[in-house]
Amino acid sequence: MIDLERIDPEIRPKLSRLRAVDPTSPLAKALFALMPHVLPTRRVTGVTLTKERAGSVPLRVYRPQSPSGGGLLWIHGGGLIGGAAKMDDEFCGRTALELGTTIVSVDYRLAPKHPFPAAHEDAYAAWSWFSDRMASLGVDRTRVAVGGQSAGGGLAAGLVQHLHDAHQPVAAQWLWTPMLDDRTALNTELDGAGHYVWNNGANRYGWGSFLRAVDRQAPPAYASPARRTDLSGLPPTWLYGSDIELFHDEIVDYAARLRAAGVDTTLEIVPGVPHAVEATAPGTQAAIRILAKGRAWLASTLAERT
């Protein structure tokens, strides 16, 4: 179990509600199914939110009143088995407002009903829709990033690899506590570690649901981004994790490999907080600080060059 002394003092009173979810339970499955229907839409003043479609794929588009010309394709989290784009309305709206960035957020299909490559295909469809409309949206295609949180961060990393291979470069990848490596779930030594929010049992179910139709010994390209051996040529990268979360080691390793491949990489490790603190413990000082750091990096990276 994680030593209480390692946990941020501001987080400690919240620990009872940060226990890891059991995604195999009937209650969790029911909540995952209901989430897209019961979550409220959260609009941010100064940002226009519209619903669009890339073929059959639902999108949410956030357009600031004072656009900077930058763009972001955003992919929500949820362990590959849950979540919905609308749960990031406030995050995307405030990012659009603060940075002047036009954001397209994708409601991808979820496992286990839709295993790989469904979510990846949906993310690519969203990118194609966005790419075709950048001029009409006032977005400079040389200043567009791909980002995501948790499972969405892993999907974003896989999409960026795909776009690189397809000679469709992006300006940056912006990865918030990304779920990058299916091999973490196979390490049973992590099962009793007591990780908050998302533990290795949940991780095994998420990855197993997502990859149930593929060979786990050799997953196809883009399914598990950390398995890619050649990371050279990928765009500037910002990623963060917590020192007590399940994904810490895979995040640190991916950052080190990016740097070794010559990729401009910024890694932030936040001490003593649960996975995705900006979503799981919003309003805490740790959440406020990492939001500011992440947005400042993206603003700088997507700034217009003179």
C-alpha atoms as a PDB file:
ATOM      1  CA  MET A   1       0.000   0.000   0.000  1.00  0.00           C
ATOM      2  CA  ILE A   2       1.074   3.589  -0.576  1.00  0.00           C
ATOM      3  CA  ASP A   3       2.526   5.218   2.529  1.00  0.00           C
ATOM      4  CA  LEU A   4       0.219   7.996   3.741  1.00  0.00           C
ATOM      5  CA  GLU A   5       3.234  10.255   4.248  1.00  0.00           C
ATOM      6  CA  ARG A   6       3.886  10.178   0.505  1.00  0.00           C
ATOM      7  CA  ILE A   7       0.473  11.669  -0.262  1.00  0.00           C
ATOM      8  CA  ASP A   8      -0.011  15.410  -0.650  1.00  0.00           C
ATOM      9  CA  PRO A   9      -1.549  16.672   2.636  1.00  0.00           C
ATOM     10  CA  GLU A  10      -4.285  18.500   0.722  1.00  0.00           C
ATOM     11  CA  ILE A  11      -5.271  15.219  -0.937  1.00  0.00           C
ATOM     12  CA  ARG A  12      -5.397  13.053   2.207  1.00  0.00           C
ATOM     13  CA  PRO A  13      -8.922  14.054   3.315  1.00  0.00           C
ATOM     14  CA  LYS A  14     -10.207  13.045  -0.121  1.00  0.00           C
ATOM     15  CA  LEU A  15      -8.722   9.532  -0.186  1.00  0.00           C
ATOM     16  CA  SER A  16     -11.952   7.713   0.682  1.00  0.00           C
ATOM     17  CA  ARG A  17     -13.512   8.822  -2.603  1.00  0.00           C
ATOM     18  CA  LEU A  18     -10.362   8.248  -4.627  1.00  0.00           C
ATOM     19  CA  ARG A  19     -10.269   4.490  -4.166  1.00  0.00           C
ATOM     20  CA  ALA A  20      -9.798   2.625  -7.425  1.00  0.00           C
ATOM     21  CA  VAL A  21     -12.922   1.667  -9.307  1.00  0.00           C
ATOM     22  CA  ASP A  22     -13.715  -1.974 -10.091  1.00  0.00           C
ATOM     23  CA  PRO A  23     -14.758  -1.754 -13.756  1.00  0.00           C
ATOM     24  CA  THR A  24     -15.998  -5.343 -13.740  1.00  0.00           C
ATOM     25  CA  SER A  25     -18.725  -4.634 -11.171  1.00  0.00           C
ATOM     26  CA  PRO A  26     -22.341  -4.311 -12.390  1.00  0.00           C
ATOM     27  CA  LEU A  27     -22.577  -0.863 -10.792  1.00  0.00           C
ATOM     28  CA  ALA A  28     -19.478   0.426 -12.607  1.00  0.00           C
ATOM     29  CA  LYS A  29     -20.675  -0.992 -15.912  1.00  0.00           C
ATOM     30  CA  ALA A  30     -24.068   0.680 -15.431  1.00  0.00           C
ATOM     31  CA  LEU A  31     -22.406   4.011 -14.612  1.00  0.00           C
ATOM     32  CA  PHE A  32     -20.162   3.773 -17.671  1.00  0.00           C
ATOM     33  CA  ALA A  33     -23.205   3.126 -19.851  1.00  0.00           C
ATOM     34  CA  LEU A  34     -25.187   6.013 -18.335  1.00  0.00           C
ATOM     35  CA  MET A  35     -22.389   8.584 -18.295  1.00  0.00           C
ATOM     36  CA  PRO A  36     -22.783   9.928 -21.841  1.00  0.00           C
ATOM     37  CA  HIS A  37     -26.507  10.445 -21.227  1.00  0.00           C
ATOM     38  CA  VAL A  38     -26.516  11.992 -17.751  1.00  0.00           C
ATOM     39  CA  LEU A  39     -23.442  14.211 -17.788  1.00  0.00           C
ATOM     40  CA  PRO A  40     -24.430  17.856 -18.104  1.00  0.00           C
ATOM     41  CA  THR A  41     -23.057  20.095 -20.819  1.00  0.00           C
ATOM     42  CA  ARG A  42     -20.755  22.694 -19.278  1.00  0.00           C
ATOM     43  CA  ARG A  43     -20.272  25.828 -21.318  1.00  0.00           C
ATOM     44  CA  VAL A  44     -17.513  28.363 -20.697  1.00  0.00           C
ATOM     45  CA  THR A  45     -18.357  32.007 -21.321  1.00  0.00           C
ATOM     46  CA  GLY A  46     -16.385  33.305 -24.279  1.00  0.00           C
ATOM     47  CA  VAL A  47     -16.248  29.912 -26.006  1.00  0.00           C
ATOM     48  CA  THR A  48     -18.802  28.564 -28.489  1.00  0.00           C
ATOM     49  CA  LEU A  49     -19.498  24.846 -28.121  1.00  0.00           C
ATOM     50  CA  THR A  50     -21.065  23.010 -31.053  1.00  0.00           C
ATOM     51  CA  LYS A  51     -21.690  19.349 -31.848  1.00  0.00           C
ATOM     52  CA  GLU A  52     -20.476  17.943 -35.146  1.00  0.00           C
ATOM     53  CA  ARG A  53     -19.888  14.545 -36.733  1.00  0.00           C
ATOM     54  CA  ALA A  54     -17.000  12.984 -38.579  1.00  0.00           C
ATOM     55  CA  GLY A  55     -19.120  10.429 -40.391  1.00  0.00           C
ATOM     56  CA  SER A  56     -20.589   8.393 -37.534  1.00  0.00           C
ATOM     57  CA  VAL A  57     -18.158   9.782 -34.931  1.00  0.00           C
ATOM     58  CA  PRO A  58     -19.570  12.499 -32.608  1.00  0.00           C
ATOM     59  CA  LEU A  59     -17.389  15.546 -32.020  1.00  0.00           C
ATOM     60  CA  ARG A  60     -17.527  18.551 -29.743  1.00  0.00           C
ATOM     61  CA  VAL A  61     -15.955  21.730 -31.109  1.00  0.00           C
ATOM     62  CA  TYR A  62     -14.855  24.591 -28.840  1.00  0.00           C
ATOM     63  CA  ARG A  63     -14.263  27.914 -30.608  1.00  0.00           C
ATOM     64  CA  PRO A  64     -12.942  30.896 -28.604  1.00  0.00           C
ATOM     65  CA  GLN A  65     -14.209  34.387 -29.344  1.00  0.00           C
ATOM     66  CA  SER A  66     -10.596  35.555 -29.677  1.00  0.00           C
ATOM     67  CA  PRO A  67      -8.846  32.772 -31.627  1.00  0.00           C
ATOM     68  CA  SER A  68      -5.065  32.624 -31.742  1.00  0.00           C
ATOM     69  CA  GLY A  69      -4.897  30.368 -34.790  1.00  0.00           C
ATOM     70  CA  GLY A  70      -3.779  27.358 -32.756  1.00  0.00           C
ATOM     71  CA  GLY A  71      -5.664  24.073 -32.744  1.00  0.00           C
ATOM     72  CA  LEU A  72      -5.959  20.956 -30.602  1.00  0.00           C
ATOM     73  CA  LEU A  73      -7.510  17.543 -31.191  1.00  0.00           C
ATOM     74  CA  TRP A  74      -8.456  16.281 -27.726  1.00  0.00           C
ATOM     75  CA  ILE A  75      -9.206  12.687 -26.622  1.00  0.00           C
ATOM     76  CA  HIS A  76     -10.933  11.997 -23.288  1.00  0.00           C
ATOM     77  CA  GLY A  77      -9.959   9.406 -20.692  1.00  0.00           C
ATOM     78  CA  GLY A  78     -11.845   6.527 -19.137  1.00  0.00           C
ATOM     79  CA  GLY A  79      -9.580   3.475 -19.171  1.00  0.00           C
ATOM     80  CA  LEU A  80     -10.571   2.641 -22.785  1.00  0.00           C
ATOM     81  CA  ILE A  81     -13.894   1.347 -21.428  1.00  0.00           C
ATOM     82  CA  GLY A  82     -15.695   4.475 -20.202  1.00  0.00           C
ATOM     83  CA  GLY A  83     -15.914   8.231 -20.322  1.00  0.00           C
ATOM     84  CA  ALA A  84     -17.378  10.700 -22.787  1.00  0.00           C
ATOM     85  CA  ALA A  85     -16.167  13.823 -24.530  1.00  0.00           C
ATOM     86  CA  LYS A  86     -18.603  16.024 -22.609  1.00  0.00           C
ATOM     87  CA  MET A  87     -16.893  15.245 -19.293  1.00  0.00           C
ATOM     88  CA  ASP A  88     -14.041  17.473 -20.522  1.00  0.00           C
ATOM     89  CA  ASP A  89     -16.279  20.413 -21.466  1.00  0.00           C
ATOM     90  CA  GLU A  90     -14.835  22.656 -18.770  1.00  0.00           C
ATOM     91  CA  PHE A  91     -11.229  21.594 -19.380  1.00  0.00           C
ATOM     92  CA  CYS A  92     -11.538  22.123 -23.135  1.00  0.00           C
ATOM     93  CA  GLY A  93     -13.560  25.306 -22.760  1.00  0.00           C
ATOM     94  CA  ARG A  94     -11.095  26.917 -20.385  1.00  0.00           C
ATOM     95  CA  THR A  95      -8.130  25.806 -22.461  1.00  0.00           C
ATOM     96  CA  ALA A  96      -9.762  27.314 -25.548  1.00  0.00           C
ATOM     97  CA  LEU A  97     -10.511  30.530 -23.681  1.00  0.00           C
ATOM     98  CA  GLU A  98      -7.071  30.962 -22.111  1.00  0.00           C
ATOM     99  CA  LEU A  99      -5.038  30.006 -25.190  1.00  0.00           C
ATOM    100  CA  GLY A 100      -7.374  31.099 -27.985  1.00  0.00           C
ATOM    101  CA  THR A 101      -7.100  27.549 -29.276  1.00  0.00           C
ATOM    102  CA  THR A 102      -9.843  25.900 -31.320  1.00  0.00           C
ATOM    103  CA  ILE A 103     -10.419  22.408 -29.911  1.00  0.00           C
ATOM    104  CA  VAL A 104     -12.073  19.355 -31.418  1.00  0.00           C
ATOM    105  CA  SER A 105     -12.892  16.627 -28.885  1.00  0.00           C
ATOM    106  CA  VAL A 106     -13.816  13.142 -30.074  1.00  0.00           C
ATOM    107  CA  ASP A 107     -16.423  10.734 -28.651  1.00  0.00           C
ATOM    108  CA  TYR A 108     -14.737   7.501 -29.677  1.00  0.00           C
ATOM    109  CA  ARG A 109     -16.198   4.004 -29.427  1.00  0.00           C
ATOM    110  CA  LEU A 110     -15.402   2.142 -26.215  1.00  0.00           C
ATOM    111  CA  ALA A 111     -14.233  -1.366 -25.352  1.00  0.00           C
ATOM    112  CA  PRO A 112     -15.200  -4.096 -24.694  1.00  0.00           C
ATOM    113  CA  LYS A 113     -18.035  -3.656 -27.186  1.00  0.00           C
ATOM    114  CA  HIS A 114     -15.661  -1.985 -29.624  1.00  0.00           C
ATOM    115  CA  PRO A 115     -12.069  -3.270 -29.245  1.00  0.00           C
ATOM    116  CA  PHE A 116      -9.028  -1.964 -31.089  1.00  0.00           C
ATOM    117  CA  PRO A 117      -8.883  -0.504 -33.713  1.00  0.00           C
ATOM    118  CA  ALA A 118     -12.295   1.180 -33.198  1.00  0.00           C
ATOM    119  CA  ALA A 119     -11.155   4.009 -30.887  1.00  0.00           C
ATOM    120  CA  HIS A 120      -8.035   4.610 -32.971  1.00  0.00           C
ATOM    121  CA  GLU A 121     -10.077   4.757 -36.170  1.00  0.00           C
ATOM    122  CA  ASP A 122     -12.485   7.227 -34.564  1.00  0.00           C
ATOM    123  CA  ALA A 123      -9.611   9.444 -33.432  1.00  0.00           C
ATOM    124  CA  TYR A 124      -8.168   9.363 -36.947  1.00  0.00           C
ATOM    125  CA  ALA A 125     -11.584  10.217 -38.404  1.00  0.00           C
ATOM    126  CA  ALA A 126     -11.800  13.190 -36.036  1.00  0.00           C
ATOM    127  CA  TRP A 127      -8.340  14.324 -37.121  1.00  0.00           C
ATOM    128  CA  SER A 128      -9.328  14.051 -40.792  1.00  0.00           C
ATOM    129  CA  TRP A 129     -12.515  16.056 -40.172  1.00  0.00           C
ATOM    130  CA  PHE A 130     -10.527  18.729 -38.331  1.00  0.00           C
ATOM    131  CA  SER A 131      -7.777  18.792 -40.956  1.00  0.00           C
ATOM    132  CA  ASP A 132     -10.291  19.328 -43.750  1.00  0.00           C
ATOM    133  CA  ARG A 133     -11.822  22.316 -41.919  1.00  0.00           C
ATOM    134  CA  MET A 134      -8.837  24.071 -40.390  1.00  0.00           C
ATOM    135  CA  ALA A 135      -8.965  26.958 -42.847  1.00  0.00           C
ATOM    136  CA  SER A 136     -12.679  27.596 -42.270  1.00  0.00           C
ATOM    137  CA  LEU A 137     -12.148  27.340 -38.499  1.00  0.00           C
ATOM    138  CA  GLY A 138      -9.339  29.895 -38.629  1.00  0.00           C
ATOM    139  CA  VAL A 139      -6.702  27.372 -37.576  1.00  0.00           C
ATOM    140  CA  ASP A 140      -3.116  27.400 -38.848  1.00  0.00           C
ATOM    141  CA  ARG A 141      -2.386  23.768 -39.663  1.00  0.00           C
ATOM    142  CA  THR A 142       1.268  24.240 -38.686  1.00  0.00           C
ATOM    143  CA  ARG A 143       0.107  25.060 -35.143  1.00  0.00           C
ATOM    144  CA  VAL A 144      -2.070  22.067 -34.237  1.00  0.00           C
ATOM    145  CA  ALA A 145      -1.472  19.601 -31.394  1.00  0.00           C
ATOM    146  CA  VAL A 146      -2.955  16.231 -30.488  1.00  0.00           C
ATOM    147  CA  GLY A 147      -3.598  15.596 -26.809  1.00  0.00           C
ATOM    148  CA  GLY A 148      -5.500  13.504 -24.337  1.00  0.00           C
ATOM    149  CA  GLN A 149      -5.822  12.410 -20.754  1.00  0.00           C
ATOM    150  CA  SER A 150      -5.185   8.918 -19.350  1.00  0.00           C
ATOM    151  CA  ALA A 151      -6.580   6.427 -21.898  1.00  0.00           C
ATOM    152  CA  GLY A 152      -7.063   9.412 -24.192  1.00  0.00           C
ATOM    153  CA  GLY A 153      -3.397  10.270 -23.738  1.00  0.00           C
ATOM    154  CA  GLY A 154      -2.455   6.805 -24.927  1.00  0.00           C
ATOM    155  CA  LEU A 155      -4.824   7.075 -27.876  1.00  0.00           C
ATOM    156  CA  ALA A 156      -3.313  10.488 -28.660  1.00  0.00           C
ATOM    157  CA  ALA A 157       0.202   9.043 -28.610  1.00  0.00           C
ATOM    158  CA  GLY A 158      -0.858   6.238 -30.942  1.00  0.00           C
ATOM    159  CA  LEU A 159      -2.575   8.691 -33.279  1.00  0.00           C
ATOM    160  CA  VAL A 160       0.526  10.908 -33.403  1.00  0.00           C
ATOM    161  CA  GLN A 161       2.618   7.888 -34.360  1.00  0.00           C
ATOM    162  CA  HIS A 162       0.123   7.071 -37.120  1.00  0.00           C
ATOM    163  CA  LEU A 163       0.100  10.652 -38.406  1.00  0.00           C
ATOM    164  CA  HIS A 164       3.900  10.702 -38.422  1.00  0.00           C
ATOM    165  CA  ASP A 165       3.990   7.505 -40.473  1.00  0.00           C
ATOM    166  CA  ALA A 166       1.336   8.910 -42.835  1.00  0.00           C
ATOM    167  CA  HIS A 167       3.374  12.109 -43.343  1.00  0.00           C
ATOM    168  CA  GLN A 168       0.705  14.233 -41.659  1.00  0.00           C
ATOM    169  CA  PRO A 169       2.849  15.986 -39.049  1.00  0.00           C
ATOM    170  CA  VAL A 170       1.449  17.734 -36.006  1.00  0.00           C
ATOM    171  CA  ALA A 171       3.062  20.530 -34.023  1.00  0.00           C
ATOM    172  CA  ALA A 172       2.973  18.836 -30.635  1.00  0.00           C
ATOM    173  CA  GLN A 173       1.605  16.038 -28.498  1.00  0.00           C
ATOM    174  CA  TRP A 174       0.122  16.942 -25.115  1.00  0.00           C
ATOM    175  CA  LEU A 175      -0.221  13.874 -22.896  1.00  0.00           C
ATOM    176  CA  TRP A 176      -1.900  14.063 -19.482  1.00  0.00           C
ATOM    177  CA  THR A 177      -1.091  11.000 -17.331  1.00  0.00           C
ATOM    178  CA  PRO A 178      -1.166   8.842 -20.480  1.00  0.00           C
ATOM    179  CA  MET A 179      -2.009   5.133 -20.524  1.00  0.00           C
ATOM    180  CA  LEU A 180       0.793   4.064 -22.849  1.00  0.00           C
ATOM    181  CA  ASP A 181       1.837   0.472 -22.237  1.00  0.00           C
ATOM    182  CA  ASP A 182      -0.345  -2.650 -22.042  1.00  0.00           C
ATOM    183  CA  ARG A 183       2.553  -4.557 -20.484  1.00  0.00           C
ATOM    184  CA  THR A 184       2.022  -2.731 -17.182  1.00  0.00           C
ATOM    185  CA  ALA A 185      -1.276  -4.584 -16.810  1.00  0.00           C
ATOM    186  CA  LEU A 186       0.502  -7.913 -17.260  1.00  0.00           C
ATOM    187  CA  ASN A 187       2.798  -7.257 -14.278  1.00  0.00           C
ATOM    188  CA  THR A 188       0.926  -8.924 -11.405  1.00  0.00           C
ATOM    189  CA  GLU A 189       3.498  -7.621  -8.903  1.00  0.00           C
ATOM    190  CA  LEU A 190       1.684  -4.269  -9.155  1.00  0.00           C
ATOM    191  CA  ASP A 191      -1.682  -5.703  -8.148  1.00  0.00           C
ATOM    192  CA  GLY A 192      -1.327  -5.074  -4.432  1.00  0.00           C
ATOM    193  CA  ALA A 193       0.278  -1.638  -4.635  1.00  0.00           C
ATOM    194  CA  GLY A 194      -2.860   0.240  -3.592  1.00  0.00           C
ATOM    195  CA  HIS A 195      -2.940   2.787  -6.400  1.00  0.00           C
ATOM    196  CA  TYR A 196      -5.742   5.305  -6.131  1.00  0.00           C
ATOM    197  CA  VAL A 197      -8.340   5.966  -8.861  1.00  0.00           C
ATOM    198  CA  TRP A 198      -6.987   3.345 -11.283  1.00  0.00           C
ATOM    199  CA  ASN A 199      -5.194   0.225 -10.065  1.00  0.00           C
ATOM    200  CA  ASN A 200      -3.663  -2.662 -11.960  1.00  0.00           C
ATOM    201  CA  GLY A 201      -6.782  -4.817 -11.732  1.00  0.00           C
ATOM    202  CA  ALA A 202      -8.751  -2.103 -13.480  1.00  0.00           C
ATOM    203  CA  ASN A 203      -5.848  -1.604 -15.871  1.00  0.00           C
ATOM    204  CA  ARG A 204      -5.829  -5.279 -16.797  1.00  0.00           C
ATOM    205  CA  TYR A 205      -9.544  -5.186 -17.526  1.00  0.00           C
ATOM    206  CA  GLY A 206      -9.222  -1.998 -19.589  1.00  0.00           C
ATOM    207  CA  TRP A 207      -6.330  -3.220 -21.709  1.00  0.00           C
ATOM    208  CA  GLY A 208      -7.781  -6.722 -21.976  1.00  0.00           C
ATOM    209  CA  SER A 209     -11.072  -5.310 -23.225  1.00  0.00           C
ATOM    210  CA  PHE A 210      -9.343  -3.019 -25.707  1.00  0.00           C
ATOM    211  CA  LEU A 211      -6.899  -5.606 -27.067  1.00  0.00           C
ATOM    212  CA  ARG A 212      -9.115  -8.694 -26.885  1.00  0.00           C
ATOM    213  CA  ALA A 213      -9.133  -9.065 -30.669  1.00  0.00           C
ATOM    214  CA  VAL A 214      -5.351  -8.856 -31.169  1.00  0.00           C
ATOM    215  CA  ASP A 215      -2.238 -10.864 -30.382  1.00  0.00           C
ATOM    216  CA  ARG A 216      -0.998  -9.606 -27.001  1.00  0.00           C
ATOM    217  CA  GLN A 217       2.488 -10.897 -27.744  1.00  0.00           C
ATOM    218  CA  ALA A 218       2.764  -8.575 -30.736  1.00  0.00           C
ATOM    219  CA  PRO A 219       0.010  -5.940 -30.778  1.00  0.00           C
ATOM    220  CA  PRO A 220      -0.432  -4.068 -34.054  1.00  0.00           C
ATOM    221  CA  ALA A 221       1.019  -0.619 -34.578  1.00  0.00           C
ATOM    222  CA  TYR A 222      -0.572   2.197 -32.559  1.00  0.00           C
ATOM    223  CA  ALA A 223      -2.472  -0.164 -30.201  1.00  0.00           C
ATOM    224  CA  SER A 224      -0.005   0.221 -27.324  1.00  0.00           C
ATOM    225  CA  PRO A 225       2.187   3.270 -28.087  1.00  0.00           C
ATOM    226  CA  ALA A 226       5.027   2.404 -25.706  1.00  0.00           C
ATOM    227  CA  ARG A 227       5.769  -0.738 -27.708  1.00  0.00           C
ATOM    228  CA  ARG A 228       6.961   1.317 -30.683  1.00  0.00           C
ATOM    229  CA  THR A 229      10.723   0.973 -30.929  1.00  0.00           C
ATOM    230  CA  ASP A 230      11.537   3.969 -33.142  1.00  0.00           C
ATOM    231  CA  LEU A 231      10.314   7.256 -31.653  1.00  0.00           C
ATOM    232  CA  SER A 232      12.485   9.520 -33.805  1.00  0.00           C
ATOM    233  CA  GLY A 233      10.759  12.275 -35.718  1.00  0.00           C
ATOM    234  CA  LEU A 234       7.823  12.623 -33.347  1.00  0.00           C
ATOM    235  CA  PRO A 235       6.775  16.185 -32.466  1.00  0.00           C
ATOM    236  CA  PRO A 236       7.648  18.152 -29.314  1.00  0.00           C
ATOM    237  CA  THR A 237       6.014  16.437 -26.378  1.00  0.00           C
ATOM    238  CA  TRP A 238       4.664  17.478 -23.001  1.00  0.00           C
ATOM    239  CA  LEU A 239       3.608  14.743 -20.614  1.00  0.00           C
ATOM    240  CA  TYR A 240       3.033  14.424 -16.933  1.00  0.00           C
ATOM    241  CA  GLY A 241       2.336  11.826 -14.291  1.00  0.00           C
ATOM    242  CA  SER A 242       2.287  11.376 -10.542  1.00  0.00           C
ATOM    243  CA  ASP A 243       5.005   9.663  -8.548  1.00  0.00           C
ATOM    244  CA  ILE A 244       2.406   7.454  -6.798  1.00  0.00           C
ATOM    245  CA  GLU A 245       0.197   6.500  -9.744  1.00  0.00           C
ATOM    246  CA  LEU A 246       0.189   3.210 -11.627  1.00  0.00           C
ATOM    247  CA  PHE A 247       1.415   4.752 -14.880  1.00  0.00           C
ATOM    248  CA  HIS A 248       4.450   6.502 -13.376  1.00  0.00           C
ATOM    249  CA  ASP A 249       7.120   4.129 -14.686  1.00  0.00           C
ATOM    250  CA  GLU A 250       5.717   3.828 -18.204  1.00  0.00           C
ATOM    251  CA  ILE A 251       5.386   7.615 -18.479  1.00  0.00           C
ATOM    252  CA  VAL A 252       8.945   8.218 -17.281  1.00  0.00           C
ATOM    253  CA  ASP A 253      10.268   5.519 -19.602  1.00  0.00           C
ATOM    254  CA  TYR A 254       8.409   6.906 -22.630  1.00  0.00           C
ATOM    255  CA  ALA A 255       9.741  10.390 -21.912  1.00  0.00           C
ATOM    256  CA  ALA A 256      13.302   9.065 -21.633  1.00  0.00           C
ATOM    257  CA  ARG A 257      12.979   7.175 -24.909  1.00  0.00           C
ATOM    258  CA  LEU A 258      11.562  10.230 -26.673  1.00  0.00           C
ATOM    259  CA  ARG A 259      14.529  12.289 -25.489  1.00  0.00           C
ATOM    260  CA  ALA A 260      16.970   9.579 -26.538  1.00  0.00           C
ATOM    261  CA  ALA A 261      15.363   9.675 -30.000  1.00  0.00           C
ATOM    262  CA  GLY A 262      15.978  13.421 -30.241  1.00  0.00           C
ATOM    263  CA  VAL A 263      12.417  14.555 -29.487  1.00  0.00           C
ATOM    264  CA  ASP A 264      12.031  17.827 -27.571  1.00  0.00           C
ATOM    265  CA  THR A 265      10.351  16.456 -24.430  1.00  0.00           C
ATOM    266  CA  THR A 266       9.055  18.088 -21.261  1.00  0.00           C
ATOM    267  CA  LEU A 267       8.185  15.728 -18.412  1.00  0.00           C
ATOM    268  CA  GLU A 268       6.410  16.867 -15.252  1.00  0.00           C
ATOM    269  CA  ILE A 269       6.125  14.539 -12.254  1.00  0.00           C
ATOM    270  CA  VAL A 270       3.689  15.748  -9.595  1.00  0.00           C
ATOM    271  CA  PRO A 271       4.434  14.331  -6.149  1.00  0.00           C
ATOM    272  CA  GLY A 272       1.889  12.699  -3.885  1.00  0.00           C
ATOM    273  CA  VAL A 273      -1.265  12.985  -5.989  1.00  0.00           C
ATOM    274  CA  PRO A 274      -3.632  10.420  -7.533  1.00  0.00           C
ATOM    275  CA  HIS A 275      -3.876   9.660 -11.216  1.00  0.00           C
ATOM    276  CA  ALA A 276      -5.175  12.623 -13.262  1.00  0.00           C
ATOM    277  CA  VAL A 277      -5.298  14.974 -10.288  1.00  0.00           C
ATOM    278  CA  GLU A 278      -6.696  17.809 -12.424  1.00  0.00           C
ATOM    279  CA  ALA A 279      -9.837  15.676 -12.880  1.00  0.00           C
ATOM    280  CA  THR A 280      -9.914  13.554  -9.723  1.00  0.00           C
ATOM    281  CA  ALA A 281      -9.037  16.279  -7.207  1.00  0.00           C
ATOM    282  CA  PRO A 282      -9.935  19.523  -9.004  1.00  0.00           C
ATOM    283  CA  GLY A 283      -9.334  22.779  -7.205  1.00  0.00           C
ATOM    284  CA  THR A 284      -6.378  21.480  -5.211  1.00  0.00           C
ATOM    285  CA  GLN A 285      -3.137  23.380  -5.489  1.00  0.00           C
ATOM    286  CA  ALA A 286      -1.482  20.467  -7.266  1.00  0.00           C
ATOM    287  CA  ALA A 287      -4.265  20.428  -9.870  1.00  0.00           C
ATOM    288  CA  ILE A 288      -4.118  24.186 -10.354  1.00  0.00           C
ATOM    289  CA  ARG A 289      -0.341  24.115 -10.801  1.00  0.00           C
ATOM    290  CA  ILE A 290      -0.268  21.302 -13.352  1.00  0.00           C
ATOM    291  CA  LEU A 291      -3.075  22.881 -15.368  1.00  0.00           C
ATOM    292  CA  ALA A 292      -1.112  26.130 -15.494  1.00  0.00           C
ATOM    293  CA  LYS A 293       2.097  24.364 -16.501  1.00  0.00           C
ATOM    294  CA  GLY A 294       0.450  22.281 -19.190  1.00  0.00           C
ATOM    295  CA  ARG A 295      -1.412  25.197 -20.720  1.00  0.00           C
ATOM    296  CA  ALA A 296       1.646  27.445 -20.605  1.00  0.00           C
ATOM    297  CA  TRP A 297       3.675  24.840 -22.497  1.00  0.00           C
ATOM    298  CA  LEU A 298       0.967  24.407 -25.126  1.00  0.00           C
ATOM    299  CA  ALA A 299       0.553  28.173 -25.544  1.00  0.00           C
ATOM    300  CA  SER A 300       4.290  28.574 -26.091  1.00  0.00           C
ATOM    301  CA  THR A 301       4.538  25.620 -28.451  1.00  0.00           C
ATOM    302  CA  LEU A 302       1.588  26.692 -30.599  1.00  0.00           C
ATOM    303  CA  ALA A 303       2.447  30.414 -30.572  1.00  0.00           C
ATOM    304  CA  GLU A 304       2.625  32.156 -33.903  1.00  0.00           C
ATOM    305  CA  ARG A 305       6.243  32.561 -35.017  1.00  0.00           C
ATOM    306  CA  THR A 306       7.378  35.864 -36.494  1.00  0.00           C
END
